[in-house]
Amino acid sequence: MPLQTLRVDTDALPAAVGDDEAPAALEDAPVPEPVSAPAPTSQAVLALLDVVEGARASYLWGLLGWQDIRQRYRRSKIGPFWLTISMGVMVGAIGMLYAGLFKIEVADYLPFIALGFIVWGLISGLITDGCAAFIGAEGIIKQVGLPLSVHVYRVVWRNLIIFGHNILIFFVVAVLFSIWPGWVGLLALPGLALICLNGVWAGLLLGLVSARFRDVPQIVASIVQVFFFLTPIIWKPELLPGRALVLDLNPFFHFVELVRAPLLGQAPGLASWLAVLGITLGGWLVTLAMYRRYRWRIAYWV
């Protein structure tokens, strides 16, 4: 049986409701604007955001820093106060010995050497521990998406806790020898803040380089040890004839002086403030340039 084709006359069908208004409604409808992809963020901005976001995560790096101290002295009766006891014994023994060798009054020399050892312990700890900031946090870096600067702030906070324990030694010495710095002693606070600020960029820079070259921590530790003897920690500046060049070109002397001098009742010299501010600015510029370029490689290097 042959198939027959059914033809429908569309002109004869009734128009649907609203067919006349449809074209007009389409013409009046707003045309959506084309969606453009967001511009890629530069590496410099990402590096700066990493530093800022890491600083804002104070609860995290504060907790990690405390955990480092507690882990080091786990199951100990007096915990981190072993740091204070060992530092106090060393300061007392060396202070009594070298005061006789240098023919200086103990009341004048012991507070000087106590603050020298305490501030130097903070500075050297920030530098040497900063070298291992990323290496020591290898597991966290590879498993958790955190700002990398968190691990540097953790190092700074940990050393600041140790400094807080050790400064008790100076308070004891100050009571024994009736030392009261007065209002000038408050200048030690901005000096301490500048040391911590420099500790952050030093940790970022040295931690990055040490993650790539594993011999760097040993080299840095040796350099720090040499500068310990070149910096007036166990010897007073006036004992060195022609000392201007040795002191002015020694950055560690200026950092130590910003905290030690106010607590001894003396205002730090303008040269020390300018030197530290210049080192801070230059250090951060170099660090941000390096961190911007190599930050994303740290996870592969560790």
Protein backbone atom coordinates (compact mmCIF):
# COMPACT_ATOMS: atom_id res chain seq x y z
CA MET A 1 0.00 0.00 0.00
CA PRO A 2 1.68 3.25 -1.07
CA LEU A 3 2.42 5.81 1.62
CA GLN A 4 0.68 9.16 1.34
CA THR A 5 2.33 12.41 2.39
CA LEU A 6 0.36 14.56 4.80
CA ARG A 7 0.74 18.25 4.11
CA VAL A 8 -0.26 20.81 6.72
CA ASP A 9 -1.07 24.34 5.77
CA THR A 10 0.61 26.38 8.51
CA ASP A 11 -1.03 29.56 7.33
CA ALA A 12 -4.42 28.13 8.22
CA LEU A 13 -3.43 27.31 11.84
CA PRO A 14 -4.47 29.80 14.53
CA ALA A 15 -1.73 31.97 15.91
CA ALA A 16 -0.49 31.14 19.42
CA VAL A 17 -1.21 33.53 22.20
CA GLY A 18 1.51 36.15 22.52
CA ASP A 19 3.14 35.43 19.19
CA ASP A 20 2.73 39.03 18.20
CA GLU A 21 4.39 40.32 21.36
CA ALA A 22 7.33 37.87 21.31
CA PRO A 23 9.53 39.79 18.86
CA ALA A 24 8.92 43.01 20.72
CA ALA A 25 9.75 41.39 24.07
CA LEU A 26 12.96 40.00 22.69
CA GLU A 27 13.94 43.39 21.37
CA ASP A 28 13.36 45.01 24.78
CA ALA A 29 15.27 42.31 26.73
CA PRO A 30 18.65 43.49 28.11
CA VAL A 31 21.65 42.11 26.32
CA PRO A 32 23.99 40.35 28.79
CA GLU A 33 27.49 41.79 28.94
CA PRO A 34 30.29 39.44 27.90
CA VAL A 35 32.07 37.87 30.87
CA SER A 36 35.81 38.33 30.74
CA ALA A 37 38.29 36.11 32.58
CA PRO A 38 40.03 37.77 35.55
CA ALA A 39 43.49 39.11 34.85
CA PRO A 40 46.25 36.88 36.24
CA THR A 41 47.77 38.11 39.50
CA SER A 42 51.45 38.99 39.28
CA GLN A 43 54.01 37.01 41.24
CA ALA A 44 55.01 40.15 43.16
CA VAL A 45 51.46 40.58 44.46
CA LEU A 46 51.23 36.89 45.35
CA ALA A 47 54.51 37.07 47.27
CA LEU A 48 53.36 40.14 49.17
CA LEU A 49 50.00 38.54 49.93
CA ASP A 50 51.80 35.46 51.23
CA VAL A 51 53.72 37.60 53.71
CA VAL A 52 50.61 39.52 54.79
CA GLU A 53 48.35 36.47 55.08
CA GLY A 54 51.05 34.66 57.02
CA ALA A 55 51.24 37.52 59.51
CA ARG A 56 47.47 37.48 59.93
CA ALA A 57 47.53 33.77 60.81
CA SER A 58 48.97 34.61 64.23
CA TYR A 59 46.93 31.95 66.00
CA LEU A 60 48.49 29.24 63.84
CA TRP A 61 52.15 30.21 64.01
CA GLY A 62 51.76 31.18 67.65
CA LEU A 63 50.47 27.70 68.44
CA LEU A 64 53.19 26.04 66.39
CA GLY A 65 55.90 28.08 68.10
CA TRP A 66 54.67 27.11 71.56
CA GLN A 67 54.47 23.51 70.43
CA ASP A 68 58.12 23.60 69.36
CA ILE A 69 59.17 24.74 72.83
CA ARG A 70 56.99 22.19 74.58
CA GLN A 71 58.21 19.39 72.33
CA ARG A 72 61.83 20.25 73.01
CA TYR A 73 61.33 20.03 76.78
CA ARG A 74 58.68 17.33 76.87
CA ARG A 75 58.37 15.56 80.23
CA SER A 76 60.77 18.05 81.81
CA LYS A 77 59.88 19.39 85.26
CA ILE A 78 60.79 23.02 84.64
CA GLY A 79 60.46 22.98 80.85
CA PRO A 80 61.84 25.97 78.94
CA PHE A 81 63.31 27.50 82.09
CA TRP A 82 66.29 25.23 81.44
CA LEU A 83 67.14 27.83 78.80
CA THR A 84 67.19 30.52 81.47
CA ILE A 85 69.25 28.45 83.91
CA SER A 86 71.91 27.49 81.35
CA MET A 87 72.17 31.07 80.08
CA GLY A 88 72.34 32.43 83.63
CA VAL A 89 75.14 30.07 84.66
CA MET A 90 77.15 30.96 81.56
CA VAL A 91 76.66 34.70 82.06
CA GLY A 92 77.65 34.50 85.72
CA ALA A 93 80.76 32.40 85.10
CA ILE A 94 82.03 34.39 82.11
CA GLY A 95 81.12 37.69 83.75
CA MET A 96 83.14 36.98 86.88
CA LEU A 97 86.11 35.66 84.90
CA TYR A 98 86.36 38.36 82.25
CA ALA A 99 85.69 41.18 84.69
CA GLY A 100 88.96 40.21 86.37
CA LEU A 101 90.81 39.77 83.09
CA PHE A 102 89.67 43.13 81.72
CA LYS A 103 90.02 44.79 85.15
CA ILE A 104 86.43 46.06 85.07
CA GLU A 105 84.06 46.39 87.98
CA VAL A 106 81.66 43.44 88.18
CA ALA A 107 78.72 45.81 88.74
CA ASP A 108 79.54 47.49 85.42
CA TYR A 109 80.52 44.43 83.38
CA LEU A 110 77.96 41.81 84.41
CA PRO A 111 74.83 43.73 83.24
CA PHE A 112 76.64 44.52 79.97
CA ILE A 113 77.56 40.94 79.22
CA ALA A 114 74.18 39.61 80.38
CA LEU A 115 72.28 41.78 77.91
CA GLY A 116 74.85 41.07 75.22
CA PHE A 117 74.37 37.31 75.50
CA ILE A 118 70.58 37.58 75.70
CA VAL A 119 70.19 39.84 72.65
CA TRP A 120 72.81 37.91 70.70
CA GLY A 121 70.96 34.68 71.45
CA LEU A 122 67.84 36.18 69.87
CA ILE A 123 69.66 37.45 66.77
CA SER A 124 71.70 34.31 66.15
CA GLY A 125 68.63 32.12 66.75
CA LEU A 126 66.61 34.06 64.18
CA ILE A 127 69.36 33.63 61.60
CA THR A 128 70.33 30.00 62.16
CA ASP A 129 66.77 28.77 62.74
CA GLY A 130 65.58 30.80 59.78
CA CYS A 131 67.79 28.71 57.51
CA ALA A 132 65.73 25.64 58.44
CA ALA A 133 62.33 27.37 58.40
CA PHE A 134 61.12 25.61 55.24
CA ILE A 135 63.25 22.48 55.53
CA GLY A 136 61.89 21.72 58.99
CA ALA A 137 58.30 22.23 57.82
CA GLU A 138 58.61 19.90 54.82
CA GLY A 139 55.64 17.72 55.81
CA ILE A 140 53.29 20.66 56.34
CA ILE A 141 54.35 22.41 53.15
CA LYS A 142 53.69 19.33 51.01
CA GLN A 143 50.35 18.45 52.61
CA VAL A 144 48.65 21.68 53.69
CA GLY A 145 48.04 24.77 51.59
CA LEU A 146 49.26 27.50 53.96
CA PRO A 147 51.14 30.73 53.29
CA LEU A 148 54.80 29.77 53.34
CA SER A 149 55.62 32.77 55.50
CA VAL A 150 53.75 31.10 58.38
CA HIS A 151 56.78 28.88 58.96
CA VAL A 152 59.07 31.91 59.21
CA TYR A 153 56.77 33.68 61.67
CA ARG A 154 56.80 30.44 63.64
CA VAL A 155 60.60 30.64 63.91
CA VAL A 156 60.48 34.31 64.96
CA TRP A 157 57.85 33.63 67.62
CA ARG A 158 59.75 30.63 68.98
CA ASN A 159 62.92 32.66 69.42
CA LEU A 160 60.96 35.51 70.95
CA ILE A 161 59.62 33.09 73.57
CA ILE A 162 63.18 32.01 74.37
CA PHE A 163 64.19 35.67 74.62
CA GLY A 164 61.32 36.26 77.04
CA HIS A 165 62.65 33.52 79.30
CA ASN A 166 66.26 34.70 79.09
CA ILE A 167 65.51 38.36 79.80
CA LEU A 168 64.66 37.28 83.35
CA ILE A 169 68.41 36.94 83.88
CA PHE A 170 68.89 40.65 83.32
CA PHE A 171 66.05 41.48 85.70
CA VAL A 172 67.85 39.52 88.42
CA VAL A 173 71.15 41.26 87.62
CA ALA A 174 69.41 44.65 87.58
CA VAL A 175 67.98 44.03 91.05
CA LEU A 176 71.34 42.86 92.42
CA PHE A 177 73.20 45.93 91.15
CA SER A 178 70.36 48.47 91.48
CA ILE A 179 70.06 49.23 87.78
CA TRP A 180 67.08 51.34 86.71
CA PRO A 181 67.18 52.56 83.10
CA GLY A 182 64.31 55.03 83.47
CA TRP A 183 62.14 56.14 80.59
CA VAL A 184 64.95 55.65 78.10
CA GLY A 185 64.55 51.92 78.66
CA LEU A 186 61.35 52.03 76.59
CA LEU A 187 63.51 52.58 73.50
CA ALA A 188 64.36 48.89 73.73
CA LEU A 189 60.84 48.04 72.50
CA PRO A 190 61.19 49.56 68.99
CA GLY A 191 64.69 48.07 68.86
CA LEU A 192 63.27 44.63 69.64
CA ALA A 193 60.54 45.13 67.02
CA LEU A 194 63.16 45.99 64.39
CA ILE A 195 65.13 42.85 65.24
CA CYS A 196 62.01 40.72 64.77
CA LEU A 197 61.12 42.52 61.53
CA ASN A 198 64.58 41.79 60.18
CA GLY A 199 64.27 38.23 61.43
CA VAL A 200 61.27 37.75 59.13
CA TRP A 201 63.04 38.79 55.94
CA ALA A 202 66.18 36.91 56.98
CA GLY A 203 64.12 33.76 57.52
CA LEU A 204 62.37 34.12 54.16
CA LEU A 205 65.61 34.72 52.28
CA LEU A 206 67.86 32.24 54.07
CA GLY A 207 65.11 29.65 54.29
CA LEU A 208 64.54 29.86 50.54
CA VAL A 209 68.25 29.62 49.68
CA SER A 210 68.82 26.84 52.21
CA ALA A 211 65.96 24.81 50.75
CA ARG A 212 67.78 24.86 47.41
CA PHE A 213 71.37 24.58 48.68
CA ARG A 214 71.62 22.44 51.81
CA ASP A 215 75.16 23.58 52.66
CA VAL A 216 74.00 27.12 53.37
CA PRO A 217 72.91 26.52 57.01
CA GLN A 218 76.40 25.30 57.94
CA ILE A 219 78.03 28.25 56.19
CA VAL A 220 75.71 30.73 57.90
CA ALA A 221 76.32 29.14 61.32
CA SER A 222 80.08 29.53 60.85
CA ILE A 223 79.73 33.17 59.82
CA VAL A 224 77.50 33.91 62.82
CA GLN A 225 80.06 32.33 65.14
CA VAL A 226 82.83 34.52 63.73
CA PHE A 227 80.73 37.66 64.16
CA PHE A 228 80.12 36.72 67.80
CA PHE A 229 83.78 37.45 68.52
CA LEU A 230 83.84 40.54 66.30
CA THR A 231 80.82 42.04 68.06
CA PRO A 232 81.17 43.59 71.55
CA ILE A 233 79.35 40.89 73.46
CA ILE A 234 82.05 39.70 75.89
CA TRP A 235 84.27 42.76 75.41
CA LYS A 236 83.36 46.42 75.79
CA PRO A 237 83.80 48.77 72.81
CA GLU A 238 86.14 51.12 74.67
CA LEU A 239 88.64 48.28 75.17
CA LEU A 240 89.39 48.13 71.44
CA PRO A 241 91.65 50.94 70.18
CA GLY A 242 90.74 52.27 66.76
CA ARG A 243 87.39 50.56 67.07
CA ALA A 244 85.36 52.92 64.87
CA LEU A 245 85.75 50.91 61.67
CA VAL A 246 85.12 47.55 63.33
CA LEU A 247 81.95 48.74 65.04
CA ASP A 248 80.47 50.97 62.35
CA LEU A 249 80.76 48.29 59.67
CA ASN A 250 79.44 45.52 61.93
CA PRO A 251 75.64 45.29 61.48
CA PHE A 252 75.27 43.00 64.48
CA PHE A 253 76.69 45.67 66.79
CA HIS A 254 73.95 48.11 65.80
CA PHE A 255 71.19 45.54 66.35
CA VAL A 256 72.53 44.59 69.78
CA GLU A 257 72.98 48.21 70.75
CA LEU A 258 69.34 49.10 70.03
CA VAL A 259 68.20 46.83 72.86
CA ARG A 260 71.19 46.75 75.20
CA ALA A 261 71.88 50.48 75.45
CA PRO A 262 68.34 51.55 76.53
CA LEU A 263 68.14 48.84 79.20
CA LEU A 264 71.45 50.10 80.58
CA GLY A 265 70.07 53.64 80.73
CA GLN A 266 71.72 54.95 77.56
CA ALA A 267 70.08 56.12 74.34
CA PRO A 268 71.35 54.34 71.21
CA GLY A 269 73.32 56.49 68.83
CA LEU A 270 71.74 57.92 65.70
CA ALA A 271 74.18 55.91 63.57
CA SER A 272 72.78 52.66 65.00
CA TRP A 273 69.20 53.65 64.23
CA LEU A 274 70.06 54.70 60.67
CA ALA A 275 72.12 51.56 60.07
CA VAL A 276 69.33 49.25 61.26
CA LEU A 277 66.65 51.10 59.29
CA GLY A 278 68.80 50.92 56.15
CA ILE A 279 69.43 47.20 56.63
CA THR A 280 65.71 46.64 57.19
CA LEU A 281 64.70 48.45 54.01
CA GLY A 282 67.41 46.90 51.85
CA GLY A 283 66.84 43.42 53.26
CA TRP A 284 63.12 43.49 52.55
CA LEU A 285 63.62 44.75 49.00
CA VAL A 286 66.08 41.97 48.18
CA THR A 287 63.96 39.34 49.93
CA LEU A 288 60.74 40.28 48.14
CA ALA A 289 62.53 40.22 44.79
CA MET A 290 63.87 36.71 45.49
CA TYR A 291 60.65 35.50 47.10
CA ARG A 292 58.59 36.73 44.15
CA ARG A 293 60.66 34.70 41.72
CA TYR A 294 61.31 31.47 43.62
CA ARG A 295 58.48 31.15 46.14
CA TRP A 296 56.55 28.60 44.08
CA ARG A 297 59.61 26.32 43.88
CA ILE A 298 60.04 25.85 47.62
CA ALA A 299 57.59 22.96 47.77
CA TYR A 300 59.71 21.10 45.19
CA TRP A 301 63.03 21.94 46.84
CA VAL A 302 62.12 20.70 50.30
